[in-house]
Amino acid sequence: MIAIEVLRPGAFSTIQDLGRFGWAHLGISPAGAADPLSLRIANRLVGNEDNAAGIEMTLTGATFRFRCPCTIALTGACIGTDSVPTFEPVEMRAGSELECAHLREGARSYLAVAGGVQVPRLLGSAATLFAAGCGGFEGRPLRRGDIVEAGNSVRRCSHVVDPARLRALARRRTTIRVSRGRHHHRFGADAISQFYAATYRVTTQSNRMGLRLEGEPVRLSGMDELLTEGVSLGAIQIPPSGQPIVLFVDQQTTGGYPVLANIISADLHRVGQLQPGDNVRFELVSIPHALQELREQERELAEAFGW
């Protein structure tokens, strides 16, 4: 096994894989990487399966010491480190340190290690669900002095990849595409037009459970008494204030606010890179278009790795 010592944990660094799906009926949210595409890219660069666990760093980077030689990859937000390039595999020597400073042009960065981070799996996943204190590394963010173990693998991507192509694939968008939500038809035409024309700002009250937005309030009419029902990852709820809330990876699994729209799967990773102060707009697309965008994303990812 490879031992990785946490010298500086950063603001909020957790162990994440692609999530814990299939348990919403028991009130268990998926958790997992906020930017799953970047984690998948990092894993492929070091020869892991897509769902291997890695380290997600939020807003600020962490510092690690590798006690054994290993292959790593950093992806996601542009990160302030001059020693290790991003979006390509890097060989680390025993005793070497990786210092990741602040994150730029995004909210989260991912560290994958060949062999994957090794933690006990809960309900089939290594993902940290911080609100419930379970999964990942003791159900919590990493702390100084923690020793994280990873598999002892020397595998790495056998295909020569173009880092610029991978960065372009994972690029951020200021316009997020959505499909119609559960209650879209119950909003008035003016409210719907206003929502798609508006620019919203991500507030400091945002986290992995949900992104709170502020801007021109969406007007509600006749939807104050909705029954609580199941809600999906990426649902955009409109509370009485009219300020949208985007339910995210650590979301609650039920809610009583009307759902105007839902982030399409191909853009969920871009939501994970939004940070407080960022502006965002929404574009309505059809379900067939959303499916086509997801197929195109998967095709580009496969081609980037020579599959």
C-alpha atoms as a PDB file:
ATOM      1  CA  MET A   1       0.000   0.000   0.000  1.00  0.00           C
ATOM      2  CA  ILE A   2       1.043   3.606  -0.605  1.00  0.00           C
ATOM      3  CA  ALA A   3       0.879   5.953   2.391  1.00  0.00           C
ATOM      4  CA  ILE A   4       0.022   9.603   1.786  1.00  0.00           C
ATOM      5  CA  GLU A   5       0.498  11.979   4.709  1.00  0.00           C
ATOM      6  CA  VAL A   6      -1.680  15.093   4.926  1.00  0.00           C
ATOM      7  CA  LEU A   7       0.602  18.000   5.830  1.00  0.00           C
ATOM      8  CA  ARG A   8      -1.994  20.714   5.196  1.00  0.00           C
ATOM      9  CA  PRO A   9      -5.627  19.750   4.531  1.00  0.00           C
ATOM     10  CA  GLY A  10      -6.873  22.860   2.749  1.00  0.00           C
ATOM     11  CA  ALA A  11     -10.319  24.332   3.335  1.00  0.00           C
ATOM     12  CA  PHE A  12     -12.380  21.191   2.714  1.00  0.00           C
ATOM     13  CA  SER A  13     -10.696  18.101   1.273  1.00  0.00           C
ATOM     14  CA  THR A  14     -12.601  14.811   1.217  1.00  0.00           C
ATOM     15  CA  ILE A  15     -12.390  11.322  -0.243  1.00  0.00           C
ATOM     16  CA  GLN A  16     -14.847  10.932  -3.119  1.00  0.00           C
ATOM     17  CA  ASP A  17     -15.684   8.475  -5.868  1.00  0.00           C
ATOM     18  CA  LEU A  18     -18.575   8.834  -8.329  1.00  0.00           C
ATOM     19  CA  GLY A  19     -21.253   8.510  -5.666  1.00  0.00           C
ATOM     20  CA  ARG A  20     -23.616   6.266  -3.785  1.00  0.00           C
ATOM     21  CA  PHE A  21     -26.687   5.865  -5.988  1.00  0.00           C
ATOM     22  CA  GLY A  22     -29.823   3.816  -5.433  1.00  0.00           C
ATOM     23  CA  TRP A  23     -30.482   4.707  -1.783  1.00  0.00           C
ATOM     24  CA  ALA A  24     -32.592   7.862  -2.062  1.00  0.00           C
ATOM     25  CA  HIS A  25     -35.673   5.942  -0.911  1.00  0.00           C
ATOM     26  CA  LEU A  26     -33.917   5.569   2.427  1.00  0.00           C
ATOM     27  CA  GLY A  27     -33.014   9.255   2.575  1.00  0.00           C
ATOM     28  CA  ILE A  28     -29.362   8.738   1.587  1.00  0.00           C
ATOM     29  CA  SER A  29     -28.058  11.243  -0.953  1.00  0.00           C
ATOM     30  CA  PRO A  30     -25.504  10.199  -3.592  1.00  0.00           C
ATOM     31  CA  ALA A  31     -22.548  12.330  -2.408  1.00  0.00           C
ATOM     32  CA  GLY A  32     -19.530  11.657  -4.657  1.00  0.00           C
ATOM     33  CA  ALA A  33     -17.394  14.045  -6.689  1.00  0.00           C
ATOM     34  CA  ALA A  34     -18.946  17.457  -7.284  1.00  0.00           C
ATOM     35  CA  ASP A  35     -17.179  17.439 -10.654  1.00  0.00           C
ATOM     36  CA  PRO A  36     -17.374  13.775 -11.666  1.00  0.00           C
ATOM     37  CA  LEU A  37     -15.892  14.376 -15.111  1.00  0.00           C
ATOM     38  CA  SER A  38     -12.655  15.747 -13.654  1.00  0.00           C
ATOM     39  CA  LEU A  39     -12.374  12.789 -11.266  1.00  0.00           C
ATOM     40  CA  ARG A  40     -12.921  10.353 -14.138  1.00  0.00           C
ATOM     41  CA  ILE A  41     -10.213  12.056 -16.192  1.00  0.00           C
ATOM     42  CA  ALA A  42      -7.774  11.950 -13.265  1.00  0.00           C
ATOM     43  CA  ASN A  43      -8.455   8.260 -12.732  1.00  0.00           C
ATOM     44  CA  ARG A  44      -7.977   7.401 -16.392  1.00  0.00           C
ATOM     45  CA  LEU A  45      -4.671   9.273 -16.467  1.00  0.00           C
ATOM     46  CA  VAL A  46      -3.244   6.990 -13.761  1.00  0.00           C
ATOM     47  CA  GLY A  47      -4.808   3.786 -15.078  1.00  0.00           C
ATOM     48  CA  ASN A  48      -7.642   3.487 -12.548  1.00  0.00           C
ATOM     49  CA  GLU A  49     -11.255   2.582 -13.131  1.00  0.00           C
ATOM     50  CA  ASP A  50     -13.494   5.647 -13.449  1.00  0.00           C
ATOM     51  CA  ASN A  51     -15.087   5.030 -10.047  1.00  0.00           C
ATOM     52  CA  ALA A  52     -11.836   4.761  -8.066  1.00  0.00           C
ATOM     53  CA  ALA A  53     -11.737   7.004  -5.018  1.00  0.00           C
ATOM     54  CA  GLY A  54      -9.627  10.155  -5.090  1.00  0.00           C
ATOM     55  CA  ILE A  55      -9.214  13.352  -3.088  1.00  0.00           C
ATOM     56  CA  GLU A  56     -11.464  16.343  -3.802  1.00  0.00           C
ATOM     57  CA  MET A  57     -10.035  19.730  -2.754  1.00  0.00           C
ATOM     58  CA  THR A  58     -12.416  22.683  -2.439  1.00  0.00           C
ATOM     59  CA  LEU A  59     -11.477  26.369  -2.946  1.00  0.00           C
ATOM     60  CA  THR A  60      -7.972  25.898  -1.526  1.00  0.00           C
ATOM     61  CA  GLY A  61      -5.503  23.124  -2.197  1.00  0.00           C
ATOM     62  CA  ALA A  62      -3.832  20.771   0.263  1.00  0.00           C
ATOM     63  CA  THR A  63      -0.251  19.629   0.828  1.00  0.00           C
ATOM     64  CA  PHE A  64       0.665  15.943   0.821  1.00  0.00           C
ATOM     65  CA  ARG A  65       3.815  13.871   1.395  1.00  0.00           C
ATOM     66  CA  PHE A  66       4.108  10.593  -0.500  1.00  0.00           C
ATOM     67  CA  ARG A  67       5.934   7.995   1.566  1.00  0.00           C
ATOM     68  CA  CYS A  68       6.251   5.628  -1.396  1.00  0.00           C
ATOM     69  CA  PRO A  69       6.789   6.185  -5.127  1.00  0.00           C
ATOM     70  CA  CYS A  70       3.527   6.446  -7.036  1.00  0.00           C
ATOM     71  CA  THR A  71       1.800   7.910 -10.088  1.00  0.00           C
ATOM     72  CA  ILE A  72      -0.651  10.759  -9.572  1.00  0.00           C
ATOM     73  CA  ALA A  73      -2.768  13.136 -11.634  1.00  0.00           C
ATOM     74  CA  LEU A  74      -4.309  16.516 -10.784  1.00  0.00           C
ATOM     75  CA  THR A  75      -7.413  17.717 -12.643  1.00  0.00           C
ATOM     76  CA  GLY A  76     -10.316  20.102 -12.194  1.00  0.00           C
ATOM     77  CA  ALA A  77      -9.870  23.768 -11.315  1.00  0.00           C
ATOM     78  CA  CYS A  78      -6.627  25.466 -12.228  1.00  0.00           C
ATOM     79  CA  ILE A  79      -4.492  24.998  -9.127  1.00  0.00           C
ATOM     80  CA  GLY A  80      -1.647  27.117  -7.838  1.00  0.00           C
ATOM     81  CA  THR A  81       1.239  24.678  -8.014  1.00  0.00           C
ATOM     82  CA  ASP A  82       4.364  25.036 -10.135  1.00  0.00           C
ATOM     83  CA  SER A  83       5.825  21.619  -9.322  1.00  0.00           C
ATOM     84  CA  VAL A  84       3.192  19.354 -10.903  1.00  0.00           C
ATOM     85  CA  PRO A  85       1.420  19.921 -14.225  1.00  0.00           C
ATOM     86  CA  THR A  86      -2.315  19.322 -14.380  1.00  0.00           C
ATOM     87  CA  PHE A  87      -4.245  16.929 -16.637  1.00  0.00           C
ATOM     88  CA  GLU A  88      -1.308  14.572 -17.135  1.00  0.00           C
ATOM     89  CA  PRO A  89       0.215  11.694 -15.139  1.00  0.00           C
ATOM     90  CA  VAL A  90       3.162  12.537 -12.878  1.00  0.00           C
ATOM     91  CA  GLU A  91       5.618  10.211 -11.126  1.00  0.00           C
ATOM     92  CA  MET A  92       6.226  11.060  -7.457  1.00  0.00           C
ATOM     93  CA  ARG A  93       9.309   9.826  -5.608  1.00  0.00           C
ATOM     94  CA  ALA A  94       9.238   8.431  -2.075  1.00  0.00           C
ATOM     95  CA  GLY A  95       9.388  11.329   0.373  1.00  0.00           C
ATOM     96  CA  SER A  96       8.334  13.932  -2.197  1.00  0.00           C
ATOM     97  CA  GLU A  97       5.758  16.575  -1.346  1.00  0.00           C
ATOM     98  CA  LEU A  98       2.912  18.017  -3.390  1.00  0.00           C
ATOM     99  CA  GLU A  99       1.880  21.528  -2.368  1.00  0.00           C
ATOM    100  CA  CYS A 100      -1.367  22.748  -3.895  1.00  0.00           C
ATOM    101  CA  ALA A 101      -2.106  26.413  -3.232  1.00  0.00           C
ATOM    102  CA  HIS A 102      -5.306  28.302  -3.973  1.00  0.00           C
ATOM    103  CA  LEU A 103      -7.606  27.196  -6.778  1.00  0.00           C
ATOM    104  CA  ARG A 104      -8.154  29.485  -9.742  1.00  0.00           C
ATOM    105  CA  GLU A 105     -10.898  29.448 -12.381  1.00  0.00           C
ATOM    106  CA  GLY A 106     -13.015  26.929 -10.536  1.00  0.00           C
ATOM    107  CA  ALA A 107     -14.005  25.587  -7.142  1.00  0.00           C
ATOM    108  CA  ARG A 108     -12.603  22.045  -6.971  1.00  0.00           C
ATOM    109  CA  SER A 109      -9.502  20.095  -7.887  1.00  0.00           C
ATOM    110  CA  TYR A 110      -8.985  16.314  -7.871  1.00  0.00           C
ATOM    111  CA  LEU A 111      -6.006  14.174  -6.943  1.00  0.00           C
ATOM    112  CA  ALA A 112      -5.997  10.600  -8.242  1.00  0.00           C
ATOM    113  CA  VAL A 113      -3.353   8.044  -7.282  1.00  0.00           C
ATOM    114  CA  ALA A 114      -2.632   4.880  -9.260  1.00  0.00           C
ATOM    115  CA  GLY A 115      -4.430   2.070  -7.441  1.00  0.00           C
ATOM    116  CA  GLY A 116      -7.037   4.420  -5.974  1.00  0.00           C
ATOM    117  CA  VAL A 117      -7.470   5.759  -2.450  1.00  0.00           C
ATOM    118  CA  GLN A 118      -8.355   2.888  -0.104  1.00  0.00           C
ATOM    119  CA  VAL A 119     -11.073   3.478   2.500  1.00  0.00           C
ATOM    120  CA  PRO A 120     -13.926   1.241   3.747  1.00  0.00           C
ATOM    121  CA  ARG A 121     -16.865   1.234   1.353  1.00  0.00           C
ATOM    122  CA  LEU A 122     -20.325   2.049   2.649  1.00  0.00           C
ATOM    123  CA  LEU A 123     -23.295   0.842   0.586  1.00  0.00           C
ATOM    124  CA  GLY A 124     -20.927   0.173  -2.286  1.00  0.00           C
ATOM    125  CA  SER A 125     -19.213   3.570  -2.321  1.00  0.00           C
ATOM    126  CA  ALA A 126     -16.165   5.293  -0.821  1.00  0.00           C
ATOM    127  CA  ALA A 127     -17.786   8.743  -1.074  1.00  0.00           C
ATOM    128  CA  THR A 128     -17.799  11.035   1.952  1.00  0.00           C
ATOM    129  CA  LEU A 129     -21.271  12.179   3.038  1.00  0.00           C
ATOM    130  CA  PHE A 130     -20.195  14.873   5.475  1.00  0.00           C
ATOM    131  CA  ALA A 131     -23.686  15.891   6.641  1.00  0.00           C
ATOM    132  CA  ALA A 132     -24.280  12.338   7.884  1.00  0.00           C
ATOM    133  CA  GLY A 133     -20.701  11.793   9.096  1.00  0.00           C
ATOM    134  CA  CYS A 134     -20.220   8.619   7.082  1.00  0.00           C
ATOM    135  CA  GLY A 135     -18.208   7.251   4.180  1.00  0.00           C
ATOM    136  CA  GLY A 136     -14.776   8.355   3.007  1.00  0.00           C
ATOM    137  CA  PHE A 137     -12.115   8.918   5.664  1.00  0.00           C
ATOM    138  CA  GLU A 138     -14.003   8.537   8.974  1.00  0.00           C
ATOM    139  CA  GLY A 139     -16.931  10.463   7.479  1.00  0.00           C
ATOM    140  CA  ARG A 140     -15.115  13.796   7.619  1.00  0.00           C
ATOM    141  CA  PRO A 141     -12.796  16.160   5.742  1.00  0.00           C
ATOM    142  CA  LEU A 142      -9.082  15.392   5.923  1.00  0.00           C
ATOM    143  CA  ARG A 143      -7.038  16.841   8.770  1.00  0.00           C
ATOM    144  CA  ARG A 144      -3.355  17.545   9.273  1.00  0.00           C
ATOM    145  CA  GLY A 145      -1.545  14.352  10.208  1.00  0.00           C
ATOM    146  CA  ASP A 146      -4.024  11.958   8.558  1.00  0.00           C
ATOM    147  CA  ILE A 147      -2.450   9.036   6.699  1.00  0.00           C
ATOM    148  CA  VAL A 148      -4.400   8.135   3.577  1.00  0.00           C
ATOM    149  CA  GLU A 149      -3.669   4.792   1.938  1.00  0.00           C
ATOM    150  CA  ALA A 150      -3.748   4.094  -1.785  1.00  0.00           C
ATOM    151  CA  GLY A 151      -3.327   0.922  -3.807  1.00  0.00           C
ATOM    152  CA  ASN A 152       0.172  -0.061  -4.829  1.00  0.00           C
ATOM    153  CA  SER A 153      -0.322   0.141  -8.583  1.00  0.00           C
ATOM    154  CA  VAL A 154       2.244   1.155 -11.188  1.00  0.00           C
ATOM    155  CA  ARG A 155      -0.333   1.372 -13.955  1.00  0.00           C
ATOM    156  CA  ARG A 156      -0.876   4.548 -15.888  1.00  0.00           C
ATOM    157  CA  CYS A 157      -2.669   5.571 -19.051  1.00  0.00           C
ATOM    158  CA  SER A 158      -1.060   3.753 -21.967  1.00  0.00           C
ATOM    159  CA  HIS A 159      -2.287   6.328 -24.488  1.00  0.00           C
ATOM    160  CA  VAL A 160      -0.493   9.639 -24.975  1.00  0.00           C
ATOM    161  CA  VAL A 161      -3.079  12.257 -24.045  1.00  0.00           C
ATOM    162  CA  ASP A 162      -3.244  15.939 -24.904  1.00  0.00           C
ATOM    163  CA  PRO A 163      -3.648  17.927 -21.648  1.00  0.00           C
ATOM    164  CA  ALA A 164      -5.084  20.899 -23.546  1.00  0.00           C
ATOM    165  CA  ARG A 165      -7.791  18.679 -25.024  1.00  0.00           C
ATOM    166  CA  LEU A 166      -8.697  17.357 -21.571  1.00  0.00           C
ATOM    167  CA  ARG A 167      -8.818  20.868 -20.128  1.00  0.00           C
ATOM    168  CA  ALA A 168     -11.142  21.936 -22.926  1.00  0.00           C
ATOM    169  CA  LEU A 169     -13.417  18.967 -22.258  1.00  0.00           C
ATOM    170  CA  ALA A 170     -13.659  19.886 -18.570  1.00  0.00           C
ATOM    171  CA  ARG A 171     -13.964  23.637 -19.177  1.00  0.00           C
ATOM    172  CA  ARG A 172     -16.392  25.765 -17.203  1.00  0.00           C
ATOM    173  CA  ARG A 173     -19.582  27.273 -18.634  1.00  0.00           C
ATOM    174  CA  THR A 174     -21.339  30.432 -17.523  1.00  0.00           C
ATOM    175  CA  THR A 175     -24.533  29.106 -19.102  1.00  0.00           C
ATOM    176  CA  ILE A 176     -25.835  25.859 -17.613  1.00  0.00           C
ATOM    177  CA  ARG A 177     -28.289  23.794 -19.655  1.00  0.00           C
ATOM    178  CA  VAL A 178     -31.443  22.490 -18.029  1.00  0.00           C
ATOM    179  CA  SER A 179     -34.527  20.460 -18.865  1.00  0.00           C
ATOM    180  CA  ARG A 180     -38.051  21.198 -17.651  1.00  0.00           C
ATOM    181  CA  GLY A 181     -38.607  20.419 -13.987  1.00  0.00           C
ATOM    182  CA  ARG A 182     -41.467  18.672 -12.240  1.00  0.00           C
ATOM    183  CA  HIS A 183     -43.501  21.893 -11.859  1.00  0.00           C
ATOM    184  CA  HIS A 184     -42.298  23.843 -14.911  1.00  0.00           C
ATOM    185  CA  HIS A 185     -45.801  23.894 -16.392  1.00  0.00           C
ATOM    186  CA  ARG A 186     -47.238  25.484 -13.247  1.00  0.00           C
ATOM    187  CA  PHE A 187     -45.134  28.638 -13.493  1.00  0.00           C
ATOM    188  CA  GLY A 188     -46.532  31.553 -15.437  1.00  0.00           C
ATOM    189  CA  ALA A 189     -45.086  32.453 -18.839  1.00  0.00           C
ATOM    190  CA  ASP A 190     -43.645  35.707 -17.481  1.00  0.00           C
ATOM    191  CA  ALA A 191     -41.910  33.935 -14.582  1.00  0.00           C
ATOM    192  CA  ILE A 192     -40.414  31.339 -16.916  1.00  0.00           C
ATOM    193  CA  SER A 193     -39.163  33.976 -19.370  1.00  0.00           C
ATOM    194  CA  GLN A 194     -37.696  35.981 -16.505  1.00  0.00           C
ATOM    195  CA  PHE A 195     -35.828  32.945 -15.115  1.00  0.00           C
ATOM    196  CA  TYR A 196     -34.121  32.124 -18.404  1.00  0.00           C
ATOM    197  CA  ALA A 197     -33.279  35.761 -19.139  1.00  0.00           C
ATOM    198  CA  ALA A 198     -31.799  36.465 -15.702  1.00  0.00           C
ATOM    199  CA  THR A 199     -28.215  36.248 -14.488  1.00  0.00           C
ATOM    200  CA  TYR A 200     -27.832  34.784 -10.995  1.00  0.00           C
ATOM    201  CA  ARG A 201     -24.925  34.999  -8.577  1.00  0.00           C
ATOM    202  CA  VAL A 202     -23.748  32.064  -6.455  1.00  0.00           C
ATOM    203  CA  THR A 203     -23.939  33.103  -2.788  1.00  0.00           C
ATOM    204  CA  THR A 204     -21.613  32.283   0.093  1.00  0.00           C
ATOM    205  CA  GLN A 205     -24.354  30.067   1.577  1.00  0.00           C
ATOM    206  CA  SER A 206     -23.649  27.484  -1.135  1.00  0.00           C
ATOM    207  CA  ASN A 207     -22.091  24.094  -0.432  1.00  0.00           C
ATOM    208  CA  ARG A 208     -22.196  20.475  -1.593  1.00  0.00           C
ATOM    209  CA  MET A 209     -25.815  20.172  -0.441  1.00  0.00           C
ATOM    210  CA  GLY A 210     -27.012  22.990  -2.658  1.00  0.00           C
ATOM    211  CA  LEU A 211     -26.105  26.218  -4.413  1.00  0.00           C
ATOM    212  CA  ARG A 212     -28.122  29.220  -3.317  1.00  0.00           C
ATOM    213  CA  LEU A 213     -28.471  31.820  -6.029  1.00  0.00           C
ATOM    214  CA  GLU A 214     -29.488  35.453  -5.888  1.00  0.00           C
ATOM    215  CA  GLY A 215     -30.854  37.705  -8.588  1.00  0.00           C
ATOM    216  CA  GLU A 216     -34.243  38.769  -9.890  1.00  0.00           C
ATOM    217  CA  PRO A 217     -36.771  36.716  -7.824  1.00  0.00           C
ATOM    218  CA  VAL A 218     -38.857  34.188  -9.746  1.00  0.00           C
ATOM    219  CA  ARG A 219     -42.503  35.012  -9.140  1.00  0.00           C
ATOM    220  CA  LEU A 220     -44.584  32.221  -7.628  1.00  0.00           C
ATOM    221  CA  SER A 221     -48.345  31.945  -7.962  1.00  0.00           C
ATOM    222  CA  GLY A 222     -50.612  29.239  -6.552  1.00  0.00           C
ATOM    223  CA  MET A 223     -47.800  26.901  -5.481  1.00  0.00           C
ATOM    224  CA  ASP A 224     -47.451  27.689  -1.795  1.00  0.00           C
ATOM    225  CA  GLU A 225     -49.000  24.395  -0.645  1.00  0.00           C
ATOM    226  CA  LEU A 226     -47.123  21.611  -2.417  1.00  0.00           C
ATOM    227  CA  LEU A 227     -46.770  18.186  -0.895  1.00  0.00           C
ATOM    228  CA  THR A 228     -43.271  17.040  -0.005  1.00  0.00           C
ATOM    229  CA  GLU A 229     -41.965  14.642  -2.668  1.00  0.00           C
ATOM    230  CA  GLY A 230     -38.750  13.092  -3.913  1.00  0.00           C
ATOM    231  CA  VAL A 231     -36.282  15.445  -5.576  1.00  0.00           C
ATOM    232  CA  SER A 232     -33.455  14.673  -7.958  1.00  0.00           C
ATOM    233  CA  LEU A 233     -29.807  15.631  -8.212  1.00  0.00           C
ATOM    234  CA  GLY A 234     -29.567  18.961 -10.055  1.00  0.00           C
ATOM    235  CA  ALA A 235     -33.161  20.019  -9.365  1.00  0.00           C
ATOM    236  CA  ILE A 236     -33.667  23.813  -9.272  1.00  0.00           C
ATOM    237  CA  GLN A 237     -36.140  24.650  -6.549  1.00  0.00           C
ATOM    238  CA  ILE A 238     -37.900  27.987  -6.157  1.00  0.00           C
ATOM    239  CA  PRO A 239     -38.627  28.783  -2.483  1.00  0.00           C
ATOM    240  CA  PRO A 240     -41.044  31.536  -1.374  1.00  0.00           C
ATOM    241  CA  SER A 241     -38.231  34.137  -1.653  1.00  0.00           C
ATOM    242  CA  GLY A 242     -38.071  33.453  -5.403  1.00  0.00           C
ATOM    243  CA  GLN A 243     -34.284  32.945  -5.202  1.00  0.00           C
ATOM    244  CA  PRO A 244     -33.363  29.607  -6.888  1.00  0.00           C
ATOM    245  CA  ILE A 245     -31.649  26.745  -5.061  1.00  0.00           C
ATOM    246  CA  VAL A 246     -29.750  24.097  -7.051  1.00  0.00           C
ATOM    247  CA  LEU A 247     -29.803  20.748  -5.225  1.00  0.00           C
ATOM    248  CA  PHE A 248     -26.386  19.167  -5.431  1.00  0.00           C
ATOM    249  CA  VAL A 249     -24.484  15.995  -4.584  1.00  0.00           C
ATOM    250  CA  ASP A 250     -25.112  16.010  -0.816  1.00  0.00           C
ATOM    251  CA  GLN A 251     -28.742  17.078  -1.334  1.00  0.00           C
ATOM    252  CA  GLN A 252     -31.717  16.159   0.778  1.00  0.00           C
ATOM    253  CA  THR A 253     -33.752  13.503  -1.032  1.00  0.00           C
ATOM    254  CA  THR A 254     -37.190  15.099  -0.526  1.00  0.00           C
ATOM    255  CA  GLY A 255     -38.473  18.651  -0.748  1.00  0.00           C
ATOM    256  CA  GLY A 256     -41.614  20.730  -0.889  1.00  0.00           C
ATOM    257  CA  TYR A 257     -40.532  23.694  -3.018  1.00  0.00           C
ATOM    258  CA  PRO A 258     -41.620  23.737  -6.678  1.00  0.00           C
ATOM    259  CA  VAL A 259     -38.987  22.506  -9.128  1.00  0.00           C
ATOM    260  CA  LEU A 260     -38.738  24.740 -12.175  1.00  0.00           C
ATOM    261  CA  ALA A 261     -35.863  22.993 -13.976  1.00  0.00           C
ATOM    262  CA  ASN A 262     -33.209  20.294 -13.663  1.00  0.00           C
ATOM    263  CA  ILE A 263     -29.524  20.502 -14.647  1.00  0.00           C
ATOM    264  CA  ILE A 264     -28.801  18.111 -17.519  1.00  0.00           C
ATOM    265  CA  SER A 265     -26.303  15.316 -16.803  1.00  0.00           C
ATOM    266  CA  ALA A 266     -23.717  16.672 -19.246  1.00  0.00           C
ATOM    267  CA  ASP A 267     -23.485  19.939 -17.259  1.00  0.00           C
ATOM    268  CA  LEU A 268     -23.532  18.651 -13.664  1.00  0.00           C
ATOM    269  CA  HIS A 269     -19.723  18.664 -13.526  1.00  0.00           C
ATOM    270  CA  ARG A 270     -19.735  22.356 -14.435  1.00  0.00           C
ATOM    271  CA  VAL A 271     -21.980  23.128 -11.478  1.00  0.00           C
ATOM    272  CA  GLY A 272     -19.291  21.552  -9.284  1.00  0.00           C
ATOM    273  CA  GLN A 273     -16.827  24.222 -10.425  1.00  0.00           C
ATOM    274  CA  LEU A 274     -19.032  27.193  -9.520  1.00  0.00           C
ATOM    275  CA  GLN A 275     -17.772  29.160  -6.531  1.00  0.00           C
ATOM    276  CA  PRO A 276     -19.327  31.967  -4.477  1.00  0.00           C
ATOM    277  CA  GLY A 277     -19.483  35.161  -6.499  1.00  0.00           C
ATOM    278  CA  ASP A 278     -19.703  33.413  -9.865  1.00  0.00           C
ATOM    279  CA  ASN A 279     -22.477  34.419 -12.244  1.00  0.00           C
ATOM    280  CA  VAL A 280     -24.593  31.792 -13.965  1.00  0.00           C
ATOM    281  CA  ARG A 281     -27.424  31.696 -16.473  1.00  0.00           C
ATOM    282  CA  PHE A 282     -29.679  28.861 -17.551  1.00  0.00           C
ATOM    283  CA  GLU A 283     -30.657  27.607 -20.991  1.00  0.00           C
ATOM    284  CA  LEU A 284     -33.657  25.339 -21.552  1.00  0.00           C
ATOM    285  CA  VAL A 285     -33.053  22.293 -23.769  1.00  0.00           C
ATOM    286  CA  SER A 286     -35.161  19.262 -24.644  1.00  0.00           C
ATOM    287  CA  ILE A 287     -34.608  15.783 -23.208  1.00  0.00           C
ATOM    288  CA  PRO A 288     -33.447  14.421 -26.615  1.00  0.00           C
ATOM    289  CA  HIS A 289     -30.946  17.289 -26.834  1.00  0.00           C
ATOM    290  CA  ALA A 290     -29.741  16.595 -23.291  1.00  0.00           C
ATOM    291  CA  LEU A 291     -29.173  12.934 -24.155  1.00  0.00           C
ATOM    292  CA  GLN A 292     -27.287  13.878 -27.297  1.00  0.00           C
ATOM    293  CA  GLU A 293     -25.026  16.233 -25.309  1.00  0.00           C
ATOM    294  CA  LEU A 294     -24.237  13.426 -22.866  1.00  0.00           C
ATOM    295  CA  ARG A 295     -23.433  11.022 -25.710  1.00  0.00           C
ATOM    296  CA  GLU A 296     -21.181  13.649 -27.300  1.00  0.00           C
ATOM    297  CA  GLN A 297     -19.362  14.231 -24.014  1.00  0.00           C
ATOM    298  CA  GLU A 298     -18.740  10.506 -23.621  1.00  0.00           C
ATOM    299  CA  ARG A 299     -17.531  10.256 -27.218  1.00  0.00           C
ATOM    300  CA  GLU A 300     -15.056  13.114 -26.733  1.00  0.00           C
ATOM    301  CA  LEU A 301     -13.783  11.583 -23.485  1.00  0.00           C
ATOM    302  CA  ALA A 302     -13.259   8.204 -25.135  1.00  0.00           C
ATOM    303  CA  GLU A 303     -11.461   9.737 -28.125  1.00  0.00           C
ATOM    304  CA  ALA A 304      -9.184  11.789 -25.838  1.00  0.00           C
ATOM    305  CA  PHE A 305      -7.922   8.530 -24.334  1.00  0.00           C
ATOM    306  CA  GLY A 306      -7.739   6.654 -27.628  1.00  0.00           C
ATOM    307  CA  TRP A 307     -10.660   4.358 -26.873  1.00  0.00           C
END
